[in-house]
Amino acid sequence: MATTIQVHEDVLRELDMLKKEMGTRSYEEVIRILLKNAKKLQRTHFGTLPKLKTFRREEIDRFD
């Protein structure tokens, strides 16, 4: 089922540029790629200290 969506002219220009850069044949392909990439966990989400040791919580007896 095909549908129509409205976008501002500046968004259309961006989609045109991405379509050419990505070598896709349609706006749908561009949007699918953008959605797929948006769902991926980015490397930056793994933190800024990748060599940091694993955190282990200390057992504290609070009722001494």
PDB file of N, CA and C in Angstrom:
ATOM      1  N   MET A   1       0.838  -1.170   0.000  1.00  0.00           N
ATOM      2  CA  MET A   1       0.000   0.000   0.000  1.00  0.00           C
ATOM      3  C   MET A   1       0.887   1.238   0.000  1.00  0.00           C
ATOM      4  N   ALA A   2       0.744   2.067  -0.961  1.00  0.00           N
ATOM      5  CA  ALA A   2       1.505   3.303  -1.055  1.00  0.00           C
ATOM      6  C   ALA A   2       0.719   4.429  -0.406  1.00  0.00           C
ATOM      7  N   THR A   3       1.452   5.418   0.099  1.00  0.00           N
ATOM      8  CA  THR A   3       0.821   6.578   0.708  1.00  0.00           C
ATOM      9  C   THR A   3       1.645   7.821   0.399  1.00  0.00           C
ATOM     10  N   THR A   4       1.113   8.950   0.694  1.00  0.00           N
ATOM     11  CA  THR A   4       1.792  10.215   0.451  1.00  0.00           C
ATOM     12  C   THR A   4       2.038  10.897   1.786  1.00  0.00           C
ATOM     13  N   ILE A   5       3.230  11.464   1.946  1.00  0.00           N
ATOM     14  CA  ILE A   5       3.520  12.230   3.155  1.00  0.00           C
ATOM     15  C   ILE A   5       3.973  13.626   2.744  1.00  0.00           C
ATOM     16  N   GLN A   6       3.709  14.582   3.596  1.00  0.00           N
ATOM     17  CA  GLN A   6       4.123  15.949   3.321  1.00  0.00           C
ATOM     18  C   GLN A   6       5.422  16.234   4.061  1.00  0.00           C
ATOM     19  N   VAL A   7       6.357  16.867   3.365  1.00  0.00           N
ATOM     20  CA  VAL A   7       7.598  17.325   3.985  1.00  0.00           C
ATOM     21  C   VAL A   7       7.892  18.726   3.448  1.00  0.00           C
ATOM     22  N   HIS A   8       8.608  19.497   4.237  1.00  0.00           N
ATOM     23  CA  HIS A   8       9.015  20.823   3.784  1.00  0.00           C
ATOM     24  C   HIS A   8      10.031  20.687   2.657  1.00  0.00           C
ATOM     25  N   GLU A   9      10.177  21.741   1.882  1.00  0.00           N
ATOM     26  CA  GLU A   9      11.093  21.717   0.741  1.00  0.00           C
ATOM     27  C   GLU A   9      12.531  21.443   1.161  1.00  0.00           C
ATOM     28  N   ASP A  10      12.947  21.974   2.321  1.00  0.00           N
ATOM     29  CA  ASP A  10      14.316  21.732   2.780  1.00  0.00           C
ATOM     30  C   ASP A  10      14.540  20.257   3.108  1.00  0.00           C
ATOM     31  N   VAL A  11      13.511  19.591   3.630  1.00  0.00           N
ATOM     32  CA  VAL A  11      13.618  18.155   3.918  1.00  0.00           C
ATOM     33  C   VAL A  11      13.700  17.377   2.612  1.00  0.00           C
ATOM     34  N   LEU A  12      12.933  17.785   1.627  1.00  0.00           N
ATOM     35  CA  LEU A  12      12.972  17.135   0.318  1.00  0.00           C
ATOM     36  C   LEU A  12      14.367  17.269  -0.306  1.00  0.00           C
ATOM     37  N   ARG A  13      14.968  18.443  -0.174  1.00  0.00           N
ATOM     38  CA  ARG A  13      16.326  18.640  -0.701  1.00  0.00           C
ATOM     39  C   ARG A  13      17.321  17.723   0.006  1.00  0.00           C
ATOM     40  N   GLU A  14      17.172  17.587   1.337  1.00  0.00           N
ATOM     41  CA  GLU A  14      18.044  16.685   2.095  1.00  0.00           C
ATOM     42  C   GLU A  14      17.862  15.237   1.630  1.00  0.00           C
ATOM     43  N   LEU A  15      16.609  14.837   1.432  1.00  0.00           N
ATOM     44  CA  LEU A  15      16.336  13.484   0.951  1.00  0.00           C
ATOM     45  C   LEU A  15      16.931  13.268  -0.443  1.00  0.00           C
ATOM     46  N   ASP A  16      16.835  14.280  -1.294  1.00  0.00           N
ATOM     47  CA  ASP A  16      17.445  14.191  -2.629  1.00  0.00           C
ATOM     48  C   ASP A  16      18.956  13.983  -2.529  1.00  0.00           C
ATOM     49  N   MET A  17      19.602  14.771  -1.659  1.00  0.00           N
ATOM     50  CA  MET A  17      21.056  14.649  -1.506  1.00  0.00           C
ATOM     51  C   MET A  17      21.427  13.270  -0.975  1.00  0.00           C
ATOM     52  N   LEU A  18      20.693  12.798   0.027  1.00  0.00           N
ATOM     53  CA  LEU A  18      20.975  11.474   0.591  1.00  0.00           C
ATOM     54  C   LEU A  18      20.741  10.377  -0.443  1.00  0.00           C
ATOM     55  N   LYS A  19      19.711  10.523  -1.228  1.00  0.00           N
ATOM     56  CA  LYS A  19      19.396   9.539  -2.269  1.00  0.00           C
ATOM     57  C   LYS A  19      20.569   9.411  -3.247  1.00  0.00           C
ATOM     58  N   LYS A  20      21.136  10.550  -3.638  1.00  0.00           N
ATOM     59  CA  LYS A  20      22.297  10.525  -4.538  1.00  0.00           C
ATOM     60  C   LYS A  20      23.525   9.959  -3.849  1.00  0.00           C
ATOM     61  N   GLU A  21      23.789  10.394  -2.597  1.00  0.00           N
ATOM     62  CA  GLU A  21      24.960   9.925  -1.852  1.00  0.00           C
ATOM     63  C   GLU A  21      24.910   8.424  -1.607  1.00  0.00           C
ATOM     64  N   MET A  22      23.741   7.914  -1.276  1.00  0.00           N
ATOM     65  CA  MET A  22      23.582   6.499  -0.952  1.00  0.00           C
ATOM     66  C   MET A  22      23.429   5.635  -2.194  1.00  0.00           C
ATOM     67  N   GLY A  23      23.146   6.259  -3.313  1.00  0.00           N
ATOM     68  CA  GLY A  23      22.963   5.497  -4.541  1.00  0.00           C
ATOM     69  C   GLY A  23      21.682   4.688  -4.552  1.00  0.00           C
ATOM     70  N   THR A  24      20.677   5.193  -3.861  1.00  0.00           N
ATOM     71  CA  THR A  24      19.396   4.489  -3.824  1.00  0.00           C
ATOM     72  C   THR A  24      18.510   4.949  -4.966  1.00  0.00           C
ATOM     73  N   ARG A  25      17.491   4.160  -5.250  1.00  0.00           N
ATOM     74  CA  ARG A  25      16.589   4.464  -6.366  1.00  0.00           C
ATOM     75  C   ARG A  25      15.340   5.212  -5.946  1.00  0.00           C
ATOM     76  N   SER A  26      15.050   5.205  -4.646  1.00  0.00           N
ATOM     77  CA  SER A  26      13.807   5.840  -4.210  1.00  0.00           C
ATOM     78  C   SER A  26      13.981   6.467  -2.833  1.00  0.00           C
ATOM     79  N   TYR A  27      13.040   7.353  -2.504  1.00  0.00           N
ATOM     80  CA  TYR A  27      13.037   7.956  -1.173  1.00  0.00           C
ATOM     81  C   TYR A  27      12.739   6.892  -0.121  1.00  0.00           C
ATOM     82  N   GLU A  28      11.940   5.927  -0.495  1.00  0.00           N
ATOM     83  CA  GLU A  28      11.603   4.853   0.444  1.00  0.00           C
ATOM     84  C   GLU A  28      12.856   4.119   0.907  1.00  0.00           C
ATOM     85  N   GLU A  29      13.771   3.840  -0.019  1.00  0.00           N
ATOM     86  CA  GLU A  29      15.015   3.175   0.363  1.00  0.00           C
ATOM     87  C   GLU A  29      15.827   4.036   1.317  1.00  0.00           C
ATOM     88  N   VAL A  30      15.871   5.340   1.043  1.00  0.00           N
ATOM     89  CA  VAL A  30      16.598   6.261   1.926  1.00  0.00           C
ATOM     90  C   VAL A  30      15.991   6.230   3.322  1.00  0.00           C
ATOM     91  N   ILE A  31      14.684   6.323   3.393  1.00  0.00           N
ATOM     92  CA  ILE A  31      14.002   6.340   4.691  1.00  0.00           C
ATOM     93  C   ILE A  31      14.210   5.025   5.427  1.00  0.00           C
ATOM     94  N   ARG A  32      14.152   3.900   4.705  1.00  0.00           N
ATOM     95  CA  ARG A  32      14.387   2.600   5.354  1.00  0.00           C
ATOM     96  C   ARG A  32      15.792   2.519   5.943  1.00  0.00           C
ATOM     97  N   ILE A  33      16.794   2.999   5.210  1.00  0.00           N
ATOM     98  CA  ILE A  33      18.177   2.989   5.702  1.00  0.00           C
ATOM     99  C   ILE A  33      18.307   3.882   6.931  1.00  0.00           C
ATOM    100  N   LEU A  34      17.706   5.066   6.873  1.00  0.00           N
ATOM    101  CA  LEU A  34      17.755   5.975   8.017  1.00  0.00           C
ATOM    102  C   LEU A  34      17.086   5.366   9.244  1.00  0.00           C
ATOM    103  N   LEU A  35      15.954   4.714   9.052  1.00  0.00           N
ATOM    104  CA  LEU A  35      15.263   4.067  10.174  1.00  0.00           C
ATOM    105  C   LEU A  35      16.095   2.926  10.756  1.00  0.00           C
ATOM    106  N   LYS A  36      16.694   2.138   9.890  1.00  0.00           N
ATOM    107  CA  LYS A  36      17.524   1.020  10.346  1.00  0.00           C
ATOM    108  C   LYS A  36      18.707   1.534  11.159  1.00  0.00           C
ATOM    109  N   ASN A  37      19.360   2.596  10.667  1.00  0.00           N
ATOM    110  CA  ASN A  37      20.500   3.163  11.377  1.00  0.00           C
ATOM    111  C   ASN A  37      20.088   3.811  12.693  1.00  0.00           C
ATOM    112  N   ALA A  38      18.906   4.383  12.738  1.00  0.00           N
ATOM    113  CA  ALA A  38      18.425   5.020  13.963  1.00  0.00           C
ATOM    114  C   ALA A  38      18.162   3.991  15.060  1.00  0.00           C
ATOM    115  N   LYS A  39      17.831   2.767  14.670  1.00  0.00           N
ATOM    116  CA  LYS A  39      17.530   1.720  15.644  1.00  0.00           C
ATOM    117  C   LYS A  39      18.779   1.035  16.185  1.00  0.00           C
ATOM    118  N   LYS A  40      19.906   1.188  15.470  1.00  0.00           N
ATOM    119  CA  LYS A  40      21.142   0.551  15.915  1.00  0.00           C
ATOM    120  C   LYS A  40      21.699   1.283  17.125  1.00  0.00           C
ATOM    121  N   LEU A  41      22.339   0.529  18.007  1.00  0.00           N
ATOM    122  CA  LEU A  41      23.012   1.114  19.147  1.00  0.00           C
ATOM    123  C   LEU A  41      24.336   1.686  18.661  1.00  0.00           C
ATOM    124  N   GLN A  42      24.498   2.982  18.804  1.00  0.00           N
ATOM    125  CA  GLN A  42      25.705   3.639  18.330  1.00  0.00           C
ATOM    126  C   GLN A  42      26.882   3.312  19.233  1.00  0.00           C
ATOM    127  N   ARG A  43      28.079   3.295  18.670  1.00  0.00           N
ATOM    128  CA  ARG A  43      29.286   3.000  19.425  1.00  0.00           C
ATOM    129  C   ARG A  43      29.448   3.966  20.602  1.00  0.00           C
ATOM    130  N   THR A  44      29.027   5.208  20.450  1.00  0.00           N
ATOM    131  CA  THR A  44      29.150   6.181  21.519  1.00  0.00           C
ATOM    132  C   THR A  44      28.297   5.826  22.728  1.00  0.00           C
ATOM    133  N   HIS A  45      27.305   4.976  22.551  1.00  0.00           N
ATOM    134  CA  HIS A  45      26.468   4.576  23.673  1.00  0.00           C
ATOM    135  C   HIS A  45      27.153   3.560  24.577  1.00  0.00           C
ATOM    136  N   PHE A  46      28.320   3.080  24.167  1.00  0.00           N
ATOM    137  CA  PHE A  46      29.045   2.127  24.993  1.00  0.00           C
ATOM    138  C   PHE A  46      29.903   2.824  26.040  1.00  0.00           C
ATOM    139  N   GLY A  47      29.898   4.130  26.066  1.00  0.00           N
ATOM    140  CA  GLY A  47      30.630   4.880  27.074  1.00  0.00           C
ATOM    141  C   GLY A  47      31.932   5.430  26.547  1.00  0.00           C
ATOM    142  N   THR A  48      32.498   6.327  27.321  1.00  0.00           N
ATOM    143  CA  THR A  48      33.734   6.976  26.905  1.00  0.00           C
ATOM    144  C   THR A  48      34.965   6.298  27.477  1.00  0.00           C
ATOM    145  N   LEU A  49      34.772   5.338  28.359  1.00  0.00           N
ATOM    146  CA  LEU A  49      35.895   4.635  28.979  1.00  0.00           C
ATOM    147  C   LEU A  49      35.786   3.132  28.719  1.00  0.00           C
ATOM    148  N   PRO A  50      36.068   2.690  27.497  1.00  0.00           N
ATOM    149  CA  PRO A  50      35.869   1.283  27.161  1.00  0.00           C
ATOM    150  C   PRO A  50      36.782   0.330  27.931  1.00  0.00           C
ATOM    151  N   LYS A  51      37.908   0.821  28.462  1.00  0.00           N
ATOM    152  CA  LYS A  51      38.839  -0.055  29.196  1.00  0.00           C
ATOM    153  C   LYS A  51      38.549  -0.095  30.693  1.00  0.00           C
ATOM    154  N   LEU A  52      37.497   0.566  31.113  1.00  0.00           N
ATOM    155  CA  LEU A  52      37.123   0.580  32.516  1.00  0.00           C
ATOM    156  C   LEU A  52      36.703  -0.818  32.947  1.00  0.00           C
ATOM    157  N   LYS A  53      37.165  -1.218  34.131  1.00  0.00           N
ATOM    158  CA  LYS A  53      36.819  -2.550  34.638  1.00  0.00           C
ATOM    159  C   LYS A  53      35.325  -2.633  34.930  1.00  0.00           C
ATOM    160  N   THR A  54      34.802  -3.837  34.897  1.00  0.00           N
ATOM    161  CA  THR A  54      33.399  -4.073  35.170  1.00  0.00           C
ATOM    162  C   THR A  54      33.056  -3.647  36.586  1.00  0.00           C
ATOM    163  N   PHE A  55      31.936  -2.964  36.737  1.00  0.00           N
ATOM    164  CA  PHE A  55      31.496  -2.491  38.041  1.00  0.00           C
ATOM    165  C   PHE A  55      30.951  -3.640  38.859  1.00  0.00           C
ATOM    166  N   ARG A  56      31.415  -3.711  40.113  1.00  0.00           N
ATOM    167  CA  ARG A  56      30.888  -4.718  41.048  1.00  0.00           C
ATOM    168  C   ARG A  56      30.466  -4.008  42.315  1.00  0.00           C
ATOM    169  N   ARG A  57      29.264  -4.228  42.725  1.00  0.00           N
ATOM    170  CA  ARG A  57      28.736  -3.583  43.924  1.00  0.00           C
ATOM    171  C   ARG A  57      29.282  -4.282  45.165  1.00  0.00           C
ATOM    172  N   GLU A  58      29.688  -3.477  46.155  1.00  0.00           N
ATOM    173  CA  GLU A  58      30.156  -4.037  47.419  1.00  0.00           C
ATOM    174  C   GLU A  58      28.955  -4.449  48.256  1.00  0.00           C
ATOM    175  N   GLU A  59      29.113  -5.530  48.958  1.00  0.00           N
ATOM    176  CA  GLU A  59      28.063  -5.959  49.882  1.00  0.00           C
ATOM    177  C   GLU A  59      28.272  -5.207  51.182  1.00  0.00           C
ATOM    178  N   ILE A  60      27.294  -4.416  51.587  1.00  0.00           N
ATOM    179  CA  ILE A  60      27.401  -3.621  52.797  1.00  0.00           C
ATOM    180  C   ILE A  60      26.305  -4.070  53.742  1.00  0.00           C
ATOM    181  N   ASP A  61      26.741  -4.377  54.975  1.00  0.00           N
ATOM    182  CA  ASP A  61      25.760  -4.731  55.997  1.00  0.00           C
ATOM    183  C   ASP A  61      25.334  -3.465  56.690  1.00  0.00           C
ATOM    184  N   ARG A  62      24.169  -2.975  56.379  1.00  0.00           N
ATOM    185  CA  ARG A  62      23.707  -1.687  56.918  1.00  0.00           C
ATOM    186  C   ARG A  62      23.074  -1.803  58.276  1.00  0.00           C
ATOM    187  N   PHE A  63      22.943  -2.996  58.803  1.00  0.00           N
ATOM    188  CA  PHE A  63      22.271  -3.173  60.078  1.00  0.00           C
ATOM    189  C   PHE A  63      23.207  -3.642  61.172  1.00  0.00           C
ATOM    190  N   ASP A  64      24.460  -3.234  61.125  1.00  0.00           N
ATOM    191  CA  ASP A  64      25.414  -3.589  62.190  1.00  0.00           C
ATOM    192  C   ASP A  64      25.216  -2.762  63.415  1.00  0.00           C
TER     193      ASP A  64
END
